[in-house]
């Protein structure tokens, strides 16, 4: 997205960019949340552009077919076949070793609808690639978006997710009714009933 278009887009939406809390690492997995609307996408592109962060994002393969394919790739899109999830984490993690820089945006909720659990792929990719996780956000309550803490996966999933939950607490997606609490199914595996 060109800088002028990004400025204009955020001006139209009356949104502001929150400067990053810390420098965004050249290689990281970035959580995009809350992900509650198709409009999250252009807002995130504009926020990243104005923050000087070059992102790549995952999108279902249908987005990359036909005349939209070249546009989506130019905007940083990486096509994924969601029906062939086997090996996707390892394949994406391997991309980090092939590049000098890769900021891979993953919509952790996996859907724009309200869900009880996030998909754990963002965490597993970061662990396998040995790169940090960066929390990115759009927040309707403050009409702002930006980048939050850099989290090094410790292997203690619940402790790491507690940091993620603390950051996203109070942040509301564009479709408020679709906002949920960040939680992974894997966190509930060892909990007693």
N, C-alpha and C. Protein backbone atom coordinates (compact mmCIF):
# COMPACT_ATOMS: atom_id res chain seq x y z
N UNK A 1 0.85 -1.17 0.00
CA UNK A 1 0.00 0.00 0.00
C UNK A 1 0.90 1.24 0.00
N UNK A 2 0.73 2.13 -0.95
CA UNK A 2 1.53 3.36 -0.98
C UNK A 2 1.27 4.22 0.27
N UNK A 3 2.29 4.94 0.70
CA UNK A 3 2.21 5.75 1.92
C UNK A 3 1.07 6.77 1.86
N UNK A 4 0.94 7.45 0.73
CA UNK A 4 -0.12 8.46 0.60
C UNK A 4 -1.50 7.83 0.76
N UNK A 5 -1.69 6.67 0.16
CA UNK A 5 -2.97 5.97 0.28
C UNK A 5 -3.20 5.53 1.73
N UNK A 6 -2.15 5.07 2.40
CA UNK A 6 -2.26 4.66 3.80
C UNK A 6 -2.68 5.85 4.67
N UNK A 7 -2.06 6.99 4.47
CA UNK A 7 -2.43 8.20 5.24
C UNK A 7 -3.89 8.57 4.99
N UNK A 8 -4.28 8.56 3.72
CA UNK A 8 -5.64 8.92 3.35
C UNK A 8 -6.64 7.96 3.96
N UNK A 9 -6.33 6.67 3.90
CA UNK A 9 -7.22 5.64 4.43
C UNK A 9 -7.46 5.84 5.92
N UNK A 10 -6.39 6.06 6.68
CA UNK A 10 -6.54 6.25 8.13
C UNK A 10 -7.23 7.58 8.43
N UNK A 11 -6.99 8.59 7.61
CA UNK A 11 -7.69 9.87 7.77
C UNK A 11 -9.20 9.68 7.58
N UNK A 12 -9.59 8.94 6.55
CA UNK A 12 -11.01 8.68 6.31
C UNK A 12 -11.65 7.95 7.49
N UNK A 13 -10.92 7.00 8.04
CA UNK A 13 -11.44 6.20 9.15
C UNK A 13 -11.31 6.93 10.49
N UNK A 14 -10.55 8.05 10.48
CA UNK A 14 -10.27 8.81 11.71
C UNK A 14 -9.55 7.94 12.75
N UNK A 15 -8.58 7.17 12.26
CA UNK A 15 -7.78 6.31 13.12
C UNK A 15 -6.37 6.88 13.26
N UNK A 16 -5.74 6.54 14.36
CA UNK A 16 -4.35 6.97 14.58
C UNK A 16 -3.46 5.74 14.76
N UNK A 17 -2.19 5.96 14.48
CA UNK A 17 -1.20 4.89 14.61
C UNK A 17 -0.47 5.07 15.94
N UNK A 18 -0.43 4.01 16.72
CA UNK A 18 0.31 4.00 17.98
C UNK A 18 1.74 3.53 17.66
N UNK A 19 2.74 4.33 17.97
CA UNK A 19 4.12 3.91 17.69
C UNK A 19 4.47 2.61 18.41
N UNK A 20 5.32 1.78 17.82
CA UNK A 20 5.71 0.52 18.47
C UNK A 20 6.34 0.77 19.83
N UNK A 21 6.04 -0.12 20.79
CA UNK A 21 6.64 -0.02 22.13
C UNK A 21 8.14 -0.24 22.07
N UNK A 22 8.56 -1.16 21.20
CA UNK A 22 9.97 -1.44 20.99
C UNK A 22 10.19 -1.65 19.50
N UNK A 23 11.43 -1.69 19.09
CA UNK A 23 11.72 -1.92 17.67
C UNK A 23 11.18 -3.29 17.26
N UNK A 24 10.55 -3.31 16.09
CA UNK A 24 10.02 -4.57 15.57
C UNK A 24 11.18 -5.38 15.01
N UNK A 25 11.37 -6.63 15.49
CA UNK A 25 12.48 -7.45 14.99
C UNK A 25 12.35 -7.71 13.49
N UNK A 26 13.48 -7.88 12.83
CA UNK A 26 13.48 -8.16 11.39
C UNK A 26 12.80 -9.49 11.09
N UNK A 27 12.89 -10.43 12.02
CA UNK A 27 12.23 -11.73 11.88
C UNK A 27 11.32 -11.94 13.09
N UNK A 28 10.04 -12.11 12.83
CA UNK A 28 9.09 -12.37 13.91
C UNK A 28 7.78 -12.88 13.35
N UNK A 29 7.00 -13.49 14.22
CA UNK A 29 5.62 -13.83 13.92
C UNK A 29 4.78 -12.76 14.59
N UNK A 30 3.88 -12.16 13.83
CA UNK A 30 3.07 -11.07 14.35
C UNK A 30 1.61 -11.52 14.45
N UNK A 31 1.03 -11.39 15.64
CA UNK A 31 -0.37 -11.70 15.85
C UNK A 31 -1.18 -10.50 15.34
N UNK A 32 -2.20 -10.76 14.55
CA UNK A 32 -3.13 -9.71 14.11
C UNK A 32 -4.45 -9.93 14.84
N UNK A 33 -4.75 -9.07 15.81
CA UNK A 33 -5.97 -9.25 16.61
C UNK A 33 -6.45 -7.89 17.12
N UNK A 34 -7.67 -7.76 17.51
CA UNK A 34 -8.76 -8.68 17.23
C UNK A 34 -9.06 -8.72 15.73
N UNK A 35 -9.33 -9.91 15.24
CA UNK A 35 -9.64 -10.09 13.81
C UNK A 35 -11.13 -10.40 13.71
N UNK A 36 -11.93 -9.35 13.50
CA UNK A 36 -13.38 -9.51 13.56
C UNK A 36 -14.11 -9.05 12.29
N UNK A 37 -13.36 -8.52 11.31
CA UNK A 37 -13.99 -7.94 10.13
C UNK A 37 -13.00 -7.97 8.96
N UNK A 38 -13.53 -7.96 7.74
CA UNK A 38 -12.67 -7.84 6.56
C UNK A 38 -11.95 -6.50 6.53
N UNK A 39 -12.49 -5.49 7.20
CA UNK A 39 -11.87 -4.16 7.21
C UNK A 39 -10.59 -4.11 8.05
N UNK A 40 -10.35 -5.14 8.89
CA UNK A 40 -9.09 -5.22 9.64
C UNK A 40 -7.90 -5.20 8.69
N UNK A 41 -8.07 -5.86 7.55
CA UNK A 41 -6.98 -6.02 6.59
C UNK A 41 -6.45 -4.69 6.06
N UNK A 42 -7.28 -3.83 5.45
CA UNK A 42 -6.73 -2.57 4.96
C UNK A 42 -6.23 -1.67 6.08
N UNK A 43 -6.87 -1.73 7.25
CA UNK A 43 -6.37 -0.94 8.38
C UNK A 43 -4.97 -1.40 8.79
N UNK A 44 -4.80 -2.71 8.88
CA UNK A 44 -3.49 -3.26 9.27
C UNK A 44 -2.42 -2.91 8.24
N UNK A 45 -2.76 -3.00 6.96
CA UNK A 45 -1.80 -2.63 5.91
C UNK A 45 -1.39 -1.16 6.05
N UNK A 46 -2.36 -0.29 6.28
CA UNK A 46 -2.07 1.14 6.41
C UNK A 46 -1.23 1.42 7.65
N UNK A 47 -1.57 0.80 8.76
CA UNK A 47 -0.83 1.01 10.01
C UNK A 47 0.61 0.53 9.85
N UNK A 48 0.78 -0.64 9.25
CA UNK A 48 2.14 -1.16 9.04
C UNK A 48 2.94 -0.23 8.14
N UNK A 49 2.32 0.22 7.06
CA UNK A 49 3.02 1.10 6.12
C UNK A 49 3.49 2.39 6.80
N UNK A 50 2.61 3.01 7.57
CA UNK A 50 2.96 4.27 8.22
C UNK A 50 3.92 4.06 9.39
N UNK A 51 4.01 2.84 9.88
CA UNK A 51 4.97 2.52 10.96
C UNK A 51 6.31 2.07 10.40
N UNK A 52 6.40 1.93 9.07
CA UNK A 52 7.64 1.48 8.46
C UNK A 52 7.91 0.00 8.65
N UNK A 53 6.87 -0.78 8.88
CA UNK A 53 7.02 -2.22 9.11
C UNK A 53 6.54 -2.94 7.85
N UNK A 54 7.45 -3.67 7.21
CA UNK A 54 7.09 -4.43 6.01
C UNK A 54 6.60 -5.80 6.45
N UNK A 55 5.30 -6.02 6.24
CA UNK A 55 4.69 -7.27 6.70
C UNK A 55 4.38 -8.19 5.53
N UNK A 56 4.32 -9.47 5.86
CA UNK A 56 3.77 -10.48 4.96
C UNK A 56 2.68 -11.16 5.74
N UNK A 57 1.62 -11.55 5.08
CA UNK A 57 0.47 -12.09 5.77
C UNK A 57 -0.03 -13.34 5.07
N UNK A 58 -0.71 -14.17 5.84
CA UNK A 58 -1.25 -15.42 5.32
C UNK A 58 -2.67 -15.19 4.83
N UNK A 59 -2.99 -15.77 3.68
CA UNK A 59 -4.33 -15.67 3.14
C UNK A 59 -4.72 -16.97 2.45
N UNK A 60 -6.01 -17.28 2.48
CA UNK A 60 -6.46 -18.51 1.82
C UNK A 60 -6.20 -18.39 0.32
N UNK A 61 -5.89 -19.52 -0.29
CA UNK A 61 -5.44 -19.55 -1.68
C UNK A 61 -6.42 -18.93 -2.66
N UNK A 62 -7.71 -18.91 -2.33
CA UNK A 62 -8.71 -18.32 -3.22
C UNK A 62 -8.46 -16.83 -3.45
N UNK A 63 -7.86 -16.15 -2.47
CA UNK A 63 -7.56 -14.72 -2.62
C UNK A 63 -6.51 -14.46 -3.70
N UNK A 64 -5.74 -15.47 -4.05
CA UNK A 64 -4.61 -15.29 -4.95
C UNK A 64 -4.90 -15.78 -6.36
N UNK A 65 -6.15 -16.12 -6.62
CA UNK A 65 -6.53 -16.59 -7.95
C UNK A 65 -7.07 -15.43 -8.77
N UNK A 66 -6.92 -15.54 -10.08
CA UNK A 66 -7.46 -14.53 -10.98
C UNK A 66 -6.71 -13.21 -10.91
N UNK A 67 -7.37 -12.13 -11.30
CA UNK A 67 -6.69 -10.84 -11.39
C UNK A 67 -6.25 -10.26 -10.04
N UNK A 68 -6.85 -10.74 -8.93
CA UNK A 68 -6.46 -10.22 -7.62
C UNK A 68 -5.15 -10.83 -7.11
N UNK A 69 -4.74 -11.96 -7.68
CA UNK A 69 -3.53 -12.64 -7.22
C UNK A 69 -2.30 -11.75 -7.18
N UNK A 70 -1.93 -11.09 -8.29
CA UNK A 70 -0.75 -10.23 -8.27
C UNK A 70 -0.86 -9.08 -7.27
N UNK A 71 -2.08 -8.55 -7.12
CA UNK A 71 -2.28 -7.44 -6.17
C UNK A 71 -2.05 -7.94 -4.74
N UNK A 72 -2.62 -9.09 -4.42
CA UNK A 72 -2.47 -9.65 -3.07
C UNK A 72 -1.00 -9.97 -2.76
N UNK A 73 -0.28 -10.52 -3.73
CA UNK A 73 1.13 -10.81 -3.51
C UNK A 73 1.93 -9.51 -3.33
N UNK A 74 1.59 -8.48 -4.09
CA UNK A 74 2.27 -7.18 -3.98
C UNK A 74 2.03 -6.54 -2.61
N UNK A 75 0.86 -6.83 -2.04
CA UNK A 75 0.53 -6.31 -0.71
C UNK A 75 1.16 -7.13 0.41
N UNK A 76 1.93 -8.17 0.06
CA UNK A 76 2.62 -8.98 1.06
C UNK A 76 1.97 -10.30 1.36
N UNK A 77 1.00 -10.70 0.55
CA UNK A 77 0.27 -11.93 0.80
C UNK A 77 1.06 -13.19 0.50
N UNK A 78 0.86 -14.20 1.33
CA UNK A 78 1.43 -15.53 1.16
C UNK A 78 0.25 -16.50 1.12
N UNK A 79 0.07 -17.17 -0.01
CA UNK A 79 -1.06 -18.08 -0.20
C UNK A 79 -0.87 -19.35 0.61
N UNK A 80 -1.93 -19.76 1.30
CA UNK A 80 -1.89 -21.04 2.02
C UNK A 80 -3.10 -21.87 1.63
N UNK A 81 -2.87 -23.16 1.53
CA UNK A 81 -3.94 -24.12 1.25
C UNK A 81 -4.42 -24.65 2.59
N UNK A 82 -5.56 -24.16 3.05
CA UNK A 82 -6.04 -24.53 4.38
C UNK A 82 -6.51 -25.98 4.44
N UNK A 83 -6.75 -26.61 3.29
CA UNK A 83 -7.16 -28.02 3.31
C UNK A 83 -5.96 -28.95 3.52
N UNK A 84 -4.75 -28.43 3.31
CA UNK A 84 -3.53 -29.23 3.47
C UNK A 84 -2.70 -28.67 4.62
N UNK A 85 -3.28 -28.67 5.82
CA UNK A 85 -2.62 -28.06 6.98
C UNK A 85 -1.39 -28.83 7.43
N UNK A 86 -1.27 -30.10 7.06
CA UNK A 86 -0.14 -30.91 7.48
C UNK A 86 1.16 -30.29 6.99
N UNK A 87 2.05 -30.04 7.92
CA UNK A 87 3.36 -29.51 7.56
C UNK A 87 3.39 -28.00 7.37
N UNK A 88 2.26 -27.31 7.50
CA UNK A 88 2.24 -25.87 7.28
C UNK A 88 3.12 -25.14 8.29
N UNK A 89 3.07 -25.52 9.56
CA UNK A 89 3.88 -24.86 10.58
C UNK A 89 5.36 -25.01 10.25
N UNK A 90 5.79 -26.22 9.93
CA UNK A 90 7.21 -26.45 9.61
C UNK A 90 7.62 -25.71 8.35
N UNK A 91 6.74 -25.71 7.35
CA UNK A 91 7.03 -25.02 6.10
C UNK A 91 7.20 -23.52 6.32
N UNK A 92 6.30 -22.93 7.10
CA UNK A 92 6.39 -21.49 7.38
C UNK A 92 7.59 -21.18 8.27
N UNK A 93 7.85 -22.04 9.24
CA UNK A 93 9.02 -21.83 10.12
C UNK A 93 10.31 -21.88 9.31
N UNK A 94 10.37 -22.77 8.33
CA UNK A 94 11.57 -22.88 7.49
C UNK A 94 11.83 -21.63 6.67
N UNK A 95 10.76 -20.89 6.35
CA UNK A 95 10.93 -19.65 5.57
C UNK A 95 11.82 -18.65 6.29
N UNK A 96 11.80 -18.66 7.61
CA UNK A 96 12.61 -17.71 8.38
C UNK A 96 14.10 -17.94 8.18
N UNK A 97 14.52 -19.21 8.00
CA UNK A 97 15.94 -19.50 7.80
C UNK A 97 16.40 -19.12 6.39
N UNK A 98 15.46 -18.93 5.47
CA UNK A 98 15.80 -18.60 4.08
C UNK A 98 15.88 -17.10 3.83
N UNK A 99 15.48 -16.30 4.80
CA UNK A 99 15.38 -14.85 4.58
C UNK A 99 16.13 -14.06 5.63
N UNK A 100 16.55 -12.87 5.23
CA UNK A 100 17.18 -11.95 6.18
C UNK A 100 16.14 -11.24 7.03
N UNK A 101 14.94 -11.07 6.47
CA UNK A 101 13.86 -10.40 7.19
C UNK A 101 12.54 -11.05 6.81
N UNK A 102 11.69 -11.28 7.81
CA UNK A 102 10.35 -11.79 7.58
C UNK A 102 9.49 -11.46 8.79
N UNK A 103 8.52 -10.58 8.58
CA UNK A 103 7.52 -10.27 9.60
C UNK A 103 6.24 -10.92 9.09
N UNK A 104 5.93 -12.08 9.64
CA UNK A 104 4.81 -12.89 9.18
C UNK A 104 3.59 -12.64 10.06
N UNK A 105 2.58 -12.01 9.49
CA UNK A 105 1.35 -11.70 10.23
C UNK A 105 0.42 -12.91 10.16
N UNK A 106 -0.04 -13.34 11.33
CA UNK A 106 -0.94 -14.48 11.44
C UNK A 106 -2.19 -14.04 12.21
N UNK A 107 -3.37 -14.17 11.57
CA UNK A 107 -4.60 -13.88 12.32
C UNK A 107 -4.90 -15.06 13.25
N UNK A 108 -4.48 -14.94 14.49
CA UNK A 108 -4.51 -16.07 15.43
C UNK A 108 -5.90 -16.61 15.69
N UNK A 109 -6.91 -15.77 15.54
CA UNK A 109 -8.27 -16.25 15.78
C UNK A 109 -8.71 -17.23 14.69
N UNK A 110 -8.11 -17.12 13.51
CA UNK A 110 -8.39 -18.05 12.43
C UNK A 110 -9.73 -17.81 11.74
N UNK A 111 -10.50 -16.88 12.24
CA UNK A 111 -11.81 -16.57 11.68
C UNK A 111 -12.20 -15.16 12.11
N UNK A 112 -13.14 -14.57 11.39
CA UNK A 112 -13.64 -13.26 11.80
C UNK A 112 -14.81 -13.40 12.76
N UNK A 113 -15.32 -14.61 12.91
CA UNK A 113 -16.44 -14.86 13.84
C UNK A 113 -15.90 -15.06 15.25
N UNK A 114 -16.77 -14.88 16.24
CA UNK A 114 -16.35 -15.10 17.63
C UNK A 114 -16.00 -16.57 17.80
N UNK A 115 -14.92 -16.82 18.49
CA UNK A 115 -14.47 -18.19 18.71
C UNK A 115 -13.97 -18.34 20.15
N UNK A 116 -14.11 -19.55 20.69
CA UNK A 116 -13.66 -19.79 22.06
C UNK A 116 -12.14 -19.91 22.15
N UNK A 117 -11.52 -20.36 21.03
CA UNK A 117 -10.09 -20.59 21.05
C UNK A 117 -9.42 -20.00 19.82
N UNK A 118 -8.22 -19.48 20.03
CA UNK A 118 -7.35 -19.08 18.92
C UNK A 118 -6.68 -20.32 18.37
N UNK A 119 -6.18 -20.23 17.15
CA UNK A 119 -5.35 -21.28 16.55
C UNK A 119 -3.93 -21.10 17.11
N UNK A 120 -3.27 -22.19 17.41
CA UNK A 120 -1.94 -22.12 18.04
C UNK A 120 -0.80 -22.02 17.02
N UNK A 121 -1.11 -21.98 15.73
CA UNK A 121 -0.06 -21.96 14.71
C UNK A 121 0.95 -20.85 14.89
N UNK A 122 0.50 -19.65 15.26
CA UNK A 122 1.43 -18.53 15.44
C UNK A 122 2.50 -18.87 16.47
N UNK A 123 2.08 -19.52 17.54
CA UNK A 123 3.01 -19.86 18.63
C UNK A 123 3.97 -20.96 18.17
N UNK A 124 3.43 -21.98 17.52
CA UNK A 124 4.25 -23.11 17.07
C UNK A 124 5.25 -22.68 15.99
N UNK A 125 4.82 -21.79 15.09
CA UNK A 125 5.75 -21.28 14.06
C UNK A 125 6.89 -20.53 14.73
N UNK A 126 6.55 -19.64 15.67
CA UNK A 126 7.58 -18.85 16.36
C UNK A 126 8.55 -19.74 17.11
N UNK A 127 8.02 -20.76 17.81
CA UNK A 127 8.88 -21.69 18.54
C UNK A 127 9.82 -22.43 17.61
N UNK A 128 9.26 -22.99 16.55
CA UNK A 128 10.07 -23.80 15.64
C UNK A 128 11.10 -22.94 14.90
N UNK A 129 10.72 -21.73 14.53
CA UNK A 129 11.65 -20.84 13.81
C UNK A 129 12.60 -20.11 14.75
N UNK A 130 12.33 -20.22 16.06
CA UNK A 130 13.12 -19.53 17.08
C UNK A 130 13.13 -18.02 16.84
N UNK A 131 11.93 -17.48 16.65
CA UNK A 131 11.75 -16.04 16.47
C UNK A 131 10.72 -15.56 17.49
N UNK A 132 10.74 -14.26 17.82
CA UNK A 132 9.77 -13.73 18.77
C UNK A 132 8.38 -13.54 18.16
N UNK A 133 7.44 -13.30 19.03
CA UNK A 133 6.06 -12.99 18.66
C UNK A 133 5.83 -11.52 18.96
N UNK A 134 5.22 -10.81 18.03
CA UNK A 134 4.86 -9.40 18.24
C UNK A 134 3.35 -9.29 18.22
N UNK A 135 2.78 -8.58 19.17
CA UNK A 135 1.34 -8.37 19.22
C UNK A 135 0.98 -7.11 18.44
N UNK A 136 0.19 -7.26 17.38
CA UNK A 136 -0.31 -6.11 16.61
C UNK A 136 -1.80 -6.00 16.89
N UNK A 137 -2.34 -4.79 16.78
CA UNK A 137 -3.75 -4.63 17.14
C UNK A 137 -4.43 -3.54 16.33
N UNK A 138 -5.74 -3.68 16.24
CA UNK A 138 -6.64 -2.61 15.87
C UNK A 138 -7.65 -2.53 17.02
N UNK A 139 -7.99 -1.32 17.44
CA UNK A 139 -8.86 -1.14 18.60
C UNK A 139 -9.91 -0.08 18.31
N UNK A 140 -11.13 -0.53 18.13
CA UNK A 140 -12.23 0.38 17.84
C UNK A 140 -12.48 1.34 19.00
N UNK A 141 -12.27 0.89 20.23
CA UNK A 141 -12.54 1.73 21.40
C UNK A 141 -11.71 3.01 21.38
N UNK A 142 -10.47 2.93 20.89
CA UNK A 142 -9.59 4.10 20.85
C UNK A 142 -9.35 4.59 19.43
N UNK A 143 -9.95 3.89 18.44
CA UNK A 143 -9.75 4.20 17.02
C UNK A 143 -8.25 4.29 16.72
N UNK A 144 -7.54 3.26 17.16
CA UNK A 144 -6.10 3.24 16.96
C UNK A 144 -5.63 1.83 16.64
N UNK A 145 -4.43 1.75 16.12
CA UNK A 145 -3.81 0.47 15.85
C UNK A 145 -2.31 0.62 15.91
N UNK A 146 -1.64 -0.49 16.08
CA UNK A 146 -0.19 -0.45 16.16
C UNK A 146 0.38 -1.78 16.61
N UNK A 147 1.52 -1.69 17.28
CA UNK A 147 2.27 -2.86 17.65
C UNK A 147 2.62 -2.80 19.12
N UNK A 148 2.43 -3.92 19.80
CA UNK A 148 2.67 -3.99 21.23
C UNK A 148 3.96 -4.70 21.56
N UNK A 149 3.91 -5.50 22.62
CA UNK A 149 5.13 -6.12 23.12
C UNK A 149 5.71 -7.19 22.20
N UNK A 150 7.00 -7.39 22.34
CA UNK A 150 7.72 -8.48 21.68
C UNK A 150 7.87 -9.58 22.72
N UNK A 151 7.34 -10.76 22.41
CA UNK A 151 7.33 -11.87 23.36
C UNK A 151 8.19 -13.00 22.82
N UNK A 152 9.20 -13.39 23.57
CA UNK A 152 10.02 -14.55 23.21
C UNK A 152 9.32 -15.79 23.75
N UNK A 153 8.92 -16.73 22.90
CA UNK A 153 8.25 -17.93 23.41
C UNK A 153 9.15 -18.66 24.40
N UNK A 154 8.64 -18.86 25.61
CA UNK A 154 9.45 -19.46 26.68
C UNK A 154 9.26 -20.97 26.76
N UNK A 155 8.21 -21.47 26.09
CA UNK A 155 7.86 -22.88 26.23
C UNK A 155 6.78 -23.07 27.28
N UNK A 156 6.59 -22.06 28.15
CA UNK A 156 5.50 -22.09 29.12
C UNK A 156 4.31 -21.39 28.45
N UNK A 157 3.51 -22.20 27.78
CA UNK A 157 2.42 -21.68 26.95
C UNK A 157 1.48 -20.77 27.72
N UNK A 158 1.05 -21.20 28.90
CA UNK A 158 0.10 -20.41 29.67
C UNK A 158 0.70 -19.07 30.09
N UNK A 159 1.95 -19.08 30.54
CA UNK A 159 2.60 -17.83 30.95
C UNK A 159 2.73 -16.88 29.75
N UNK A 160 3.11 -17.42 28.60
CA UNK A 160 3.23 -16.58 27.40
C UNK A 160 1.87 -16.05 26.98
N UNK A 161 0.86 -16.89 27.04
CA UNK A 161 -0.49 -16.44 26.67
C UNK A 161 -1.06 -15.46 27.68
N UNK A 162 -0.64 -15.55 28.94
CA UNK A 162 -1.07 -14.56 29.93
C UNK A 162 -0.56 -13.18 29.52
N UNK A 163 0.64 -13.11 28.99
CA UNK A 163 1.18 -11.82 28.51
C UNK A 163 0.38 -11.32 27.30
N UNK A 164 0.02 -12.26 26.41
CA UNK A 164 -0.79 -11.90 25.24
C UNK A 164 -2.15 -11.39 25.70
N UNK A 165 -2.79 -12.12 26.63
CA UNK A 165 -4.10 -11.71 27.14
C UNK A 165 -4.04 -10.34 27.81
N UNK A 166 -3.00 -10.10 28.58
CA UNK A 166 -2.85 -8.80 29.26
C UNK A 166 -2.78 -7.67 28.23
N UNK A 167 -2.06 -7.89 27.15
CA UNK A 167 -1.94 -6.84 26.14
C UNK A 167 -3.27 -6.59 25.43
N UNK A 168 -3.99 -7.64 25.06
CA UNK A 168 -5.23 -7.48 24.29
C UNK A 168 -6.45 -7.17 25.16
N UNK A 169 -6.30 -7.21 26.49
CA UNK A 169 -7.44 -6.91 27.38
C UNK A 169 -7.96 -5.50 27.07
N UNK A 170 -9.25 -5.40 26.83
CA UNK A 170 -9.87 -4.10 26.57
C UNK A 170 -9.83 -3.66 25.12
N UNK A 171 -9.08 -4.35 24.27
CA UNK A 171 -9.04 -3.98 22.85
C UNK A 171 -10.24 -4.63 22.15
N UNK A 172 -10.93 -3.81 21.37
CA UNK A 172 -12.19 -4.24 20.76
C UNK A 172 -12.06 -4.22 19.25
N UNK A 173 -12.49 -5.29 18.61
CA UNK A 173 -12.45 -5.38 17.16
C UNK A 173 -13.51 -4.52 16.50
N UNK A 174 -13.43 -4.42 15.19
CA UNK A 174 -14.37 -3.60 14.43
C UNK A 174 -15.80 -4.11 14.57
N UNK A 175 -15.97 -5.42 14.61
CA UNK A 175 -17.28 -6.02 14.89
C UNK A 175 -17.24 -6.48 16.34
N UNK A 176 -17.68 -5.61 17.23
CA UNK A 176 -17.53 -5.85 18.67
C UNK A 176 -18.08 -7.20 19.13
N UNK A 177 -19.18 -7.62 18.51
CA UNK A 177 -19.81 -8.87 18.93
C UNK A 177 -18.95 -10.09 18.59
N UNK A 178 -17.94 -9.92 17.74
CA UNK A 178 -17.07 -11.04 17.36
C UNK A 178 -15.78 -11.09 18.17
N UNK A 179 -15.57 -10.10 19.05
CA UNK A 179 -14.35 -10.08 19.87
C UNK A 179 -14.42 -11.14 20.96
N UNK A 180 -13.30 -11.79 21.21
CA UNK A 180 -13.23 -12.81 22.25
C UNK A 180 -11.95 -12.68 23.05
N UNK A 181 -11.75 -13.60 23.98
CA UNK A 181 -10.56 -13.61 24.82
C UNK A 181 -9.51 -14.54 24.21
N UNK A 182 -8.27 -14.07 24.10
CA UNK A 182 -7.21 -14.94 23.56
C UNK A 182 -6.99 -16.18 24.43
N UNK A 183 -7.21 -17.33 23.86
CA UNK A 183 -7.01 -18.59 24.58
C UNK A 183 -6.75 -19.69 23.57
N UNK A 184 -5.82 -20.58 23.89
CA UNK A 184 -5.51 -21.72 23.04
C UNK A 184 -6.06 -23.00 23.67
N UNK A 185 -6.53 -23.92 22.84
CA UNK A 185 -7.04 -25.21 23.36
C UNK A 185 -5.96 -25.92 24.17
N UNK A 186 -4.72 -25.79 23.71
CA UNK A 186 -3.60 -26.48 24.37
C UNK A 186 -3.44 -26.05 25.82
N UNK A 187 -3.93 -24.87 26.17
CA UNK A 187 -3.85 -24.41 27.56
C UNK A 187 -4.76 -25.22 28.48
N UNK A 188 -5.82 -25.78 27.92
CA UNK A 188 -6.79 -26.52 28.72
C UNK A 188 -6.48 -28.01 28.85
N UNK A 189 -5.48 -28.49 28.12
CA UNK A 189 -5.18 -29.93 28.10
C UNK A 189 -4.87 -30.48 29.47
N UNK A 190 -4.05 -29.78 30.24
CA UNK A 190 -3.62 -30.31 31.54
C UNK A 190 -4.45 -29.82 32.72
N UNK A 191 -5.49 -29.05 32.43
CA UNK A 191 -6.32 -28.55 33.54
C UNK A 191 -7.25 -29.63 34.03
N UNK A 192 -7.40 -29.77 35.36
CA UNK A 192 -8.35 -30.75 35.89
C UNK A 192 -9.78 -30.28 35.63
N UNK A 193 -10.70 -31.21 35.51
CA UNK A 193 -12.11 -30.84 35.24
C UNK A 193 -12.78 -30.24 36.45
